[in-house]
Amino acid sequence: MREGDSSETRHGGRAGCLRWPTVTHSPPLNREWQTLFQRLIRSAALLLAMLLLGPASAGAASPQRIVAVGDLHGDYDAWIAIARAAGLIDAKDHWSGGNAVLVQLGDMTDRGPDSLKIIRSLQQLAREAPARGGRVVTILGNHEAMNVIGDLRYTTAQEFAAFADQRSPARRERIYIANRQKLEAAARAANPGLRPSEVRDQWIARTPLGWVEHRAAWSPSGALGRWAATNPAVVKVGDTLFVHGGVSAEYAPLGIDEINRRVAAAMRVADSSRTGILSDPLGPLWYRGLITRDPKVDPDGAAAAAGKQRPTIEQELAAVLAATGAKRIVVGHTPSLSGIIIASGGQLVRADSGISLYYGGPLTWLEIVGDQVTPRSVPRPAQGGAR
């Protein structure tokens, strides 16, 4: 059936052509004629039902298509190229994916210039998709959590600039004045000879325009902080489990709902504690143990697991899938510049191919239809082509 078409609209005119007997004040019918008349009525009703319901040979609906996209890290051009190639958006960047489910695996932010544009695009598609039977799921990544808790080591100058407006210089100045005594004391503790004007100049140099607005938006009470707190850390769509980093043996017994509840609670208070779920190397935002146990690749994870009796990767993967009732798990976070990797007999899919220009990996997405899991890719567009 074509989208927008239905059996009611296709057959409504034909059903309207049925002619029903005109009731008159004729003498009562004998039993034979009553029986024949009732059969005619039943036949007409059956015909009407068949016309309205459509042909029985239409068959069952095809499996829903799932499209998973890995870490984007501020590369809006790459995101738009992938979304168009995957049939999710039209030439004007509106939802055209029908009843598909889009799962973006987190880490939209940091390392690139256009995080805010990616977020706005995903928010728009999340509003548009349900009208077509589709759905957009944005998974919480460790970099979104870092923005909320104030860890801005990977935030770029362009990301701050995206929040700036004409009043940004005045806002920044007010912030400095309100905190001047503390800032001067901290600066003089390192260099007692600094003059007040030098302290101010240093702070201004380290605080680009847009920084104040960025911090306000990403605070737990800010628009983006509140939005990020609603994004699940783990989600199951059909038979597939999606998570940014991974689900470890320590967290799998909690179940999906409890993991998401704890993550959301931590996001609402910007919990930056090292052992908190937002920063835990064994937690869903950071865990790499389903991919590697190499301490050179994941020193934090190796340190967190040191001294513990832990399962092998194969044992842990099997336990996670059993605990969640999933056939496979799709993760981001750990880039593979060779493209999407399907491992462990199809039970583990690494969907982070280093899409962002920061990494320079291939532009990929994962398509799941029923039990068919297919990596796909599109050439990288010229920079600025989607702006």
Protein backbone atom coordinates (compact mmCIF):
# COMPACT_ATOMS: atom_id res chain seq x y z
CA MET A 1 0.00 0.00 0.00
CA ARG A 2 1.37 3.42 -0.90
CA GLU A 3 1.91 5.80 1.99
CA GLY A 4 -1.11 8.00 2.53
CA ASP A 5 -3.37 5.51 0.73
CA SER A 6 -5.83 3.26 2.52
CA SER A 7 -8.42 0.66 1.77
CA GLU A 8 -11.13 3.11 2.92
CA THR A 9 -10.20 5.75 0.35
CA ARG A 10 -9.53 3.23 -2.41
CA HIS A 11 -12.86 1.48 -2.04
CA GLY A 12 -15.12 4.08 -0.49
CA GLY A 13 -16.68 5.03 -3.84
CA ARG A 14 -17.42 1.42 -4.81
CA ALA A 15 -19.01 0.68 -1.46
CA GLY A 16 -21.22 3.71 -1.93
CA CYS A 17 -22.63 2.23 -5.16
CA LEU A 18 -24.43 -0.63 -3.40
CA ARG A 19 -28.17 -0.29 -3.85
CA TRP A 20 -30.31 -1.41 -0.95
CA PRO A 21 -33.93 -2.57 -1.38
CA THR A 22 -36.51 0.16 -0.99
CA VAL A 23 -38.90 -0.52 1.90
CA THR A 24 -42.56 -0.18 0.89
CA HIS A 25 -45.81 -1.03 2.53
CA SER A 26 -46.17 -4.27 0.58
CA PRO A 27 -47.90 -7.34 2.02
CA PRO A 28 -45.87 -9.51 4.44
CA LEU A 29 -43.43 -11.89 2.74
CA ASN A 30 -43.88 -15.63 3.12
CA ARG A 31 -41.12 -17.64 4.85
CA GLU A 32 -39.36 -18.58 1.58
CA TRP A 33 -39.10 -14.99 0.48
CA GLN A 34 -37.98 -13.87 3.98
CA THR A 35 -35.17 -16.44 3.88
CA LEU A 36 -34.03 -15.29 0.43
CA PHE A 37 -34.19 -11.64 1.47
CA GLN A 38 -32.05 -12.31 4.58
CA ARG A 39 -29.48 -14.14 2.45
CA LEU A 40 -29.28 -11.15 0.12
CA ILE A 41 -28.74 -8.82 3.06
CA ARG A 42 -25.97 -11.03 4.50
CA SER A 43 -24.28 -11.26 1.10
CA ALA A 44 -24.38 -7.51 0.63
CA ALA A 45 -22.99 -6.96 4.15
CA LEU A 46 -20.19 -9.44 3.48
CA LEU A 47 -19.36 -7.73 0.20
CA LEU A 48 -19.27 -4.34 1.92
CA ALA A 49 -16.93 -5.67 4.61
CA MET A 50 -14.58 -7.13 1.99
CA LEU A 51 -14.50 -3.84 0.13
CA LEU A 52 -13.77 -1.85 3.25
CA LEU A 53 -11.14 -4.19 4.64
CA GLY A 54 -9.28 -4.65 1.39
CA PRO A 55 -7.97 -7.84 -0.21
CA ALA A 56 -7.05 -10.71 2.08
CA SER A 57 -3.89 -11.31 0.07
CA ALA A 58 -2.26 -8.10 1.37
CA GLY A 59 -0.30 -10.18 3.91
CA ALA A 60 1.45 -9.13 7.12
CA ALA A 61 3.20 -5.76 7.39
CA SER A 62 6.90 -5.77 6.61
CA PRO A 63 9.32 -5.45 9.56
CA GLN A 64 10.01 -1.92 10.70
CA ARG A 65 13.30 -0.46 9.51
CA ILE A 66 15.79 0.69 12.13
CA VAL A 67 18.57 3.10 11.19
CA ALA A 68 21.41 3.53 13.70
CA VAL A 69 23.94 6.34 13.36
CA GLY A 70 27.11 6.52 15.41
CA ASP A 71 29.02 9.39 17.03
CA LEU A 72 28.75 12.64 15.03
CA HIS A 73 30.91 15.01 17.11
CA GLY A 74 29.77 18.30 15.65
CA ASP A 75 29.95 17.36 11.95
CA TYR A 76 26.62 18.62 10.64
CA ASP A 77 27.53 18.13 6.98
CA ALA A 78 28.26 14.45 7.62
CA TRP A 79 25.02 14.03 9.54
CA ILE A 80 22.89 15.53 6.76
CA ALA A 81 24.66 13.43 4.12
CA ILE A 82 23.95 10.26 6.09
CA ALA A 83 20.34 11.17 6.86
CA ARG A 84 19.59 11.91 3.20
CA ALA A 85 21.34 8.81 1.91
CA ALA A 86 19.45 6.68 4.44
CA GLY A 87 16.14 8.12 3.25
CA LEU A 88 15.36 9.75 6.59
CA ILE A 89 15.09 13.36 5.40
CA ASP A 90 14.09 15.14 2.21
CA ALA A 91 15.87 17.91 0.31
CA LYS A 92 14.60 20.45 2.86
CA ASP A 93 15.82 18.32 5.79
CA HIS A 94 12.38 17.30 7.01
CA TRP A 95 11.44 13.77 8.01
CA SER A 96 10.83 11.47 5.02
CA GLY A 97 11.63 8.16 6.70
CA GLY A 98 8.05 6.95 7.01
CA ASN A 99 7.72 4.51 9.91
CA ALA A 100 11.46 3.99 10.33
CA VAL A 101 13.11 4.23 13.74
CA LEU A 102 16.23 6.39 13.87
CA VAL A 103 18.62 5.67 16.73
CA GLN A 104 21.47 8.15 17.14
CA LEU A 105 24.01 6.62 19.49
CA GLY A 106 25.10 9.78 21.31
CA ASP A 107 28.17 12.01 21.22
CA MET A 108 26.66 14.64 18.97
CA THR A 109 28.76 17.22 20.80
CA ASP A 110 32.43 18.27 21.08
CA ARG A 111 35.40 17.99 18.69
CA GLY A 112 33.51 19.66 15.82
CA PRO A 113 31.90 23.05 15.11
CA ASP A 114 28.21 22.31 14.65
CA SER A 115 26.93 20.33 17.62
CA LEU A 116 24.01 22.70 18.17
CA LYS A 117 22.84 22.36 14.56
CA ILE A 118 22.87 18.56 14.86
CA ILE A 119 20.87 18.70 18.08
CA ARG A 120 18.31 21.09 16.57
CA SER A 121 17.98 18.80 13.54
CA LEU A 122 17.39 15.71 15.70
CA GLN A 123 14.90 17.58 17.88
CA GLN A 124 12.97 18.68 14.79
CA LEU A 125 12.90 15.16 13.36
CA ALA A 126 11.74 13.78 16.72
CA ARG A 127 8.73 16.11 16.46
CA GLU A 128 8.00 15.27 12.81
CA ALA A 129 8.53 11.50 12.68
CA PRO A 130 5.52 10.36 14.75
CA ALA A 131 3.09 11.89 12.25
CA ARG A 132 4.44 9.43 9.67
CA GLY A 133 4.59 6.50 12.09
CA GLY A 134 8.32 6.94 12.69
CA ARG A 135 10.38 7.55 15.78
CA VAL A 136 13.66 9.23 16.69
CA VAL A 137 15.70 8.00 19.67
CA THR A 138 18.75 9.97 20.79
CA ILE A 139 20.98 7.98 23.12
CA LEU A 140 22.89 9.84 25.82
CA GLY A 141 26.63 9.85 25.14
CA ASN A 142 29.46 10.59 27.51
CA HIS A 143 30.14 13.91 25.76
CA GLU A 144 26.60 15.18 26.34
CA ALA A 145 27.02 14.26 30.00
CA MET A 146 30.39 16.04 30.05
CA ASN A 147 28.75 19.22 28.78
CA VAL A 148 26.21 19.04 31.60
CA ILE A 149 28.75 18.46 34.37
CA GLY A 150 31.07 21.17 32.97
CA ASP A 151 33.89 19.04 31.55
CA LEU A 152 34.61 21.13 28.45
CA ARG A 153 38.01 19.73 27.47
CA TYR A 154 36.77 18.85 23.97
CA THR A 155 34.34 21.73 23.37
CA THR A 156 35.45 23.84 20.41
CA ALA A 157 35.48 27.61 19.99
CA GLN A 158 32.87 27.27 17.23
CA GLU A 159 30.55 25.41 19.58
CA PHE A 160 30.69 28.29 22.06
CA ALA A 161 30.26 30.83 19.24
CA ALA A 162 27.03 29.12 18.16
CA PHE A 163 25.44 30.39 21.39
CA ALA A 164 26.70 33.98 21.14
CA ASP A 165 24.55 36.99 20.33
CA GLN A 166 24.83 40.78 20.52
CA ARG A 167 24.47 40.78 24.30
CA SER A 168 27.17 38.18 24.91
CA PRO A 169 29.97 40.70 25.68
CA ALA A 170 27.82 42.36 28.36
CA ARG A 171 26.83 39.02 29.89
CA ARG A 172 30.44 37.91 30.04
CA GLU A 173 31.45 41.17 31.70
CA ARG A 174 28.72 40.81 34.33
CA ILE A 175 29.90 37.30 35.11
CA TYR A 176 33.44 38.58 35.60
CA ILE A 177 32.36 41.44 37.86
CA ALA A 178 30.22 39.12 39.98
CA ASN A 179 33.15 36.74 40.48
CA ARG A 180 36.06 39.19 40.35
CA GLN A 181 37.31 38.74 43.90
CA LYS A 182 37.41 34.95 43.60
CA LEU A 183 39.07 35.11 40.17
CA GLU A 184 41.72 37.59 41.34
CA ALA A 185 42.47 35.52 44.45
CA ALA A 186 42.88 32.34 42.39
CA ALA A 187 45.10 34.06 39.82
CA ARG A 188 47.31 35.69 42.45
CA ALA A 189 47.73 32.40 44.25
CA ALA A 190 49.61 31.25 41.16
CA ASN A 191 51.22 34.61 40.36
CA PRO A 192 51.14 37.20 43.19
CA GLY A 193 52.39 39.97 40.92
CA LEU A 194 49.39 40.02 38.61
CA ARG A 195 47.49 43.31 38.39
CA PRO A 196 43.66 43.31 38.35
CA SER A 197 43.61 44.30 34.69
CA GLU A 198 45.89 41.38 33.83
CA VAL A 199 43.65 38.95 35.69
CA ARG A 200 40.66 40.25 33.76
CA ASP A 201 42.46 40.03 30.41
CA GLN A 202 43.48 36.44 31.10
CA TRP A 203 39.95 35.46 32.06
CA ILE A 204 38.46 37.13 28.98
CA ALA A 205 40.97 35.29 26.78
CA ARG A 206 39.96 31.96 28.33
CA THR A 207 36.23 32.72 28.16
CA PRO A 208 35.10 33.06 24.53
CA LEU A 209 31.87 34.79 23.60
CA GLY A 210 29.06 32.28 23.86
CA TRP A 211 30.63 30.49 26.83
CA VAL A 212 28.17 32.03 29.29
CA GLU A 213 25.17 31.10 27.15
CA HIS A 214 26.57 27.62 26.48
CA ARG A 215 26.93 26.96 30.19
CA ALA A 216 23.41 28.24 30.87
CA ALA A 217 21.91 26.03 28.15
CA TRP A 218 23.78 22.91 29.26
CA SER A 219 23.17 23.36 32.98
CA PRO A 220 20.76 20.83 34.53
CA SER A 221 18.04 23.49 34.50
CA GLY A 222 18.93 24.75 31.01
CA ALA A 223 17.15 23.81 27.80
CA LEU A 224 19.81 21.40 26.57
CA GLY A 225 20.56 20.03 30.02
CA ARG A 226 16.91 19.14 30.52
CA TRP A 227 16.70 17.64 27.04
CA ALA A 228 19.82 15.53 27.53
CA ALA A 229 18.47 14.21 30.83
CA THR A 230 15.47 12.77 28.98
CA ASN A 231 17.64 10.80 26.55
CA PRO A 232 18.00 7.14 27.53
CA ALA A 233 21.39 5.61 28.18
CA VAL A 234 20.13 2.22 27.03
CA VAL A 235 17.19 1.42 24.76
CA LYS A 236 15.84 -1.76 23.21
CA VAL A 237 14.14 -1.55 19.83
CA GLY A 238 12.79 -4.88 18.68
CA ASP A 239 15.49 -7.48 19.31
CA THR A 240 18.35 -4.96 19.36
CA LEU A 241 19.91 -3.22 22.36
CA PHE A 242 21.45 0.22 21.79
CA VAL A 243 23.88 1.97 24.14
CA HIS A 244 26.60 4.54 23.66
CA GLY A 245 29.50 2.84 25.44
CA GLY A 246 28.41 -0.61 26.54
CA VAL A 247 26.62 -2.54 29.25
CA SER A 248 28.97 -4.20 31.70
CA ALA A 249 28.37 -7.22 33.94
CA GLU A 250 28.18 -4.78 36.86
CA TYR A 251 25.19 -2.92 35.38
CA ALA A 252 23.35 -5.57 33.34
CA PRO A 253 21.53 -7.06 36.39
CA LEU A 254 19.93 -3.66 37.07
CA GLY A 255 17.87 -3.84 33.91
CA ILE A 256 17.27 -1.17 31.28
CA ASP A 257 14.71 0.87 33.23
CA GLU A 258 16.82 1.12 36.38
CA ILE A 259 19.96 2.04 34.46
CA ASN A 260 18.07 4.83 32.71
CA ARG A 261 16.51 5.99 35.98
CA ARG A 262 19.92 6.30 37.64
CA VAL A 263 21.43 8.10 34.65
CA ALA A 264 18.55 10.59 34.47
CA ALA A 265 18.79 11.27 38.21
CA ALA A 266 22.53 11.91 37.92
CA MET A 267 22.00 14.24 34.94
CA ARG A 268 19.44 16.29 36.86
CA VAL A 269 22.04 17.15 39.50
CA ALA A 270 25.11 17.14 37.22
CA ASP A 271 26.78 14.41 39.27
CA SER A 272 30.47 14.64 38.43
CA SER A 273 31.72 12.19 41.05
CA ARG A 274 34.27 9.72 39.73
CA THR A 275 32.26 6.76 40.95
CA GLY A 276 28.93 8.14 39.73
CA ILE A 277 27.18 6.50 36.80
CA LEU A 278 27.96 9.40 34.45
CA SER A 279 31.71 8.98 34.89
CA ASP A 280 32.08 5.33 35.85
CA PRO A 281 34.40 3.57 33.37
CA LEU A 282 32.19 0.50 33.80
CA GLY A 283 29.01 2.54 33.28
CA PRO A 284 26.93 2.69 30.07
CA LEU A 285 28.38 5.97 28.82
CA TRP A 286 32.07 4.98 29.02
CA TYR A 287 32.35 1.19 29.01
CA ARG A 288 34.56 -0.32 26.28
CA GLY A 289 34.90 -3.79 27.79
CA LEU A 290 32.62 -5.46 25.25
CA ILE A 291 35.18 -4.45 22.61
CA THR A 292 38.57 -4.60 24.30
CA ARG A 293 40.29 -5.20 27.61
CA ASP A 294 43.55 -3.65 26.43
CA PRO A 295 44.74 -1.18 29.12
CA LYS A 296 46.48 0.88 26.42
CA VAL A 297 43.14 1.45 24.70
CA ASP A 298 41.03 1.76 27.85
CA PRO A 299 43.25 2.57 30.84
CA ASP A 300 40.34 3.85 32.95
CA GLY A 301 38.31 0.72 32.35
CA ALA A 302 41.29 -1.50 33.14
CA ALA A 303 41.91 0.40 36.37
CA ALA A 304 38.25 0.16 37.40
CA ALA A 305 38.21 -3.59 36.75
CA ALA A 306 41.54 -4.27 38.45
CA GLY A 307 41.30 -6.84 41.22
CA LYS A 308 37.81 -7.93 40.24
CA GLN A 309 36.84 -11.39 39.06
CA ARG A 310 35.27 -10.51 35.75
CA PRO A 311 33.86 -12.57 32.86
CA THR A 312 35.51 -12.78 29.46
CA ILE A 313 34.14 -10.58 26.67
CA GLU A 314 32.19 -13.53 25.25
CA GLN A 315 30.74 -14.44 28.64
CA GLU A 316 29.83 -10.85 29.41
CA LEU A 317 28.19 -10.31 26.02
CA ALA A 318 26.10 -13.45 26.46
CA ALA A 319 25.07 -12.39 29.97
CA VAL A 320 24.04 -8.90 28.82
CA LEU A 321 21.93 -10.24 25.96
CA ALA A 322 20.31 -12.81 28.24
CA ALA A 323 19.54 -10.18 30.88
CA THR A 324 17.90 -7.85 28.36
CA GLY A 325 16.31 -10.43 26.07
CA ALA A 326 18.12 -8.98 23.05
CA LYS A 327 19.69 -10.74 20.07
CA ARG A 328 22.39 -8.15 19.55
CA ILE A 329 23.86 -4.99 21.04
CA VAL A 330 24.88 -1.93 19.01
CA VAL A 331 27.43 0.45 20.54
CA GLY A 332 29.22 3.67 19.67
CA HIS A 333 32.00 5.42 21.61
CA THR A 334 34.98 3.36 20.37
CA PRO A 335 35.73 4.43 16.78
CA SER A 336 36.73 2.04 14.03
CA LEU A 337 38.02 4.05 11.07
CA SER A 338 37.65 1.02 8.82
CA GLY A 339 33.87 1.24 9.12
CA ILE A 340 31.10 -0.51 11.03
CA ILE A 341 32.21 -3.84 12.52
CA ILE A 342 29.85 -6.77 13.11
CA ALA A 343 31.49 -9.14 15.59
CA SER A 344 30.78 -12.16 17.81
CA GLY A 345 28.58 -13.87 15.26
CA GLY A 346 26.40 -10.79 14.84
CA GLN A 347 25.79 -10.28 18.55
CA LEU A 348 27.96 -7.14 18.78
CA VAL A 349 27.92 -4.24 16.32
CA ARG A 350 30.37 -1.35 16.55
CA ALA A 351 28.63 1.56 14.83
CA ASP A 352 31.15 4.35 15.54
CA SER A 353 33.19 4.66 12.35
CA GLY A 354 34.76 8.03 13.20
CA ILE A 355 32.17 9.92 11.14
CA SER A 356 33.25 13.39 12.25
CA LEU A 357 35.87 15.19 10.19
CA TYR A 358 37.88 15.29 13.42
CA TYR A 359 38.54 11.57 12.91
CA GLY A 360 38.10 11.44 9.14
CA GLY A 361 36.44 8.02 9.09
CA PRO A 362 33.77 6.85 6.64
CA LEU A 363 30.22 8.17 6.77
CA THR A 364 28.18 5.14 7.79
CA TRP A 365 24.87 4.01 9.18
CA LEU A 366 23.51 0.65 10.23
CA GLU A 367 20.25 -0.64 8.79
CA ILE A 368 18.28 -3.34 10.59
CA VAL A 369 15.19 -4.93 9.06
CA GLY A 370 14.05 -8.01 10.93
CA ASP A 371 17.15 -10.18 11.33
CA GLN A 372 18.95 -8.51 8.42
CA VAL A 373 21.74 -6.24 9.73
CA THR A 374 23.47 -4.21 7.01
CA PRO A 375 26.23 -1.58 7.28
CA ARG A 376 25.87 1.20 4.70
CA SER A 377 27.91 4.24 3.76
CA VAL A 378 27.90 7.41 1.67
CA PRO A 379 30.81 9.53 0.35
CA ARG A 380 31.83 12.52 2.46
CA PRO A 381 30.42 15.78 1.04
CA ALA A 382 32.34 18.98 0.52
CA GLN A 383 32.59 20.96 3.75
CA GLY A 384 29.78 23.43 4.11
CA GLY A 385 27.61 21.67 1.57
CA ALA A 386 24.76 21.15 4.04
CA ARG A 387 24.79 24.62 5.60
